[in-house]
Amino acid sequence: MKHFYHNKIILITGAASGIGKRFAEKISEIADVTLILWDRNPVELISIKEQIDASATVYTTGLDITDTERVQFEAERIIKQKLLPDIIINCAGIVVGKYFHEHYITDIERTMQINTYGSMLVARVFLNEMIERGSGSIVNLASASGYIGNPKMSVYASSKWAVLGWSESLQIEMDHLNSGVKVLSVIPSYINTGMFDGVKAPLFVPILETDDIVDRMITGIYKEKRTIKAPFMVHFVPFLKAILPASIFDWLAGRVLGVYSSMDRFQGRKPKSS
């Protein structure tokens, strides 16, 4: 696996915290890589760069992945510098955690823009060059909420359903073109990154540690997997929805497993004190 990652150029969005940050840290310990880190928080990116600078070549850019012109500009600059990514890790994401009627219109717009459009945009600005090169991996952070609706997650779940549909379609397209480009959808339940602070883990669905999902991603990219589903119970959700009447599935998910009450005490990531 170390040989696979040696000299790879890896672009990570949402790299200032959570999965994106931890992926950058762990992959730099495994192999000699070049990291391109994008996030809206340039101060945190500089801190991460200083932390891992001795073990990897690191480029940081503070930008909003929903800013079409800025993303296109940065992509063109990267390609001109011969830094076309071998691997794109789309980690940037947000969650509001309210009932749908409580969302501001800006909440809806921002969630869909960051979680869905942003990932599509980042992949799109590099995809033609990846196809021309004949290789590349695009890793998209989806969610188990893309399989099952949940109170206080309606907009977030919608954004992740879209990521799943896009990722699956994109992989089929890449296969039809014999492009050599691989697409990996990461489909976890709640992860202990701070983004979902306050949630209560459903029965049989423990909250994942960040290191666990990052380790799965590192292995999954190397093995060219199409999906990573964790924890194990996530594998059963589409099957159970397919075979059970809606009322029975809702009873099982809501009353037995506690999925529908998991967001009751949601707090989300707390802003850092200055």
Foldseek 3Di string as FASTA:
>chain_A
DQVVQAAFEEEEEPCLFFLNVVLVVVNLVRYAYEYEYEYQDQVSVVVSCVVSVVRYHYHYDRDQLLPLVVLLVVLVVCVVVVRQGQEYALDWAAADQAAPVPDDPVRLVVRLSRQAVSLVSNCVSRVVVLLVVLGHEYEHEAELLLLPPAGSCVSVNVSRVNVVVVQVVVQVVCVVSSRRYAYEYEYEYAEPGQQFPFFDFWPPADHHYSVVSSVVVVVCVVVRHRYHYPDPVSVCRNVCVVPDDPVVVCCCCPVPRNRRCRSVGTDGHDDDDD
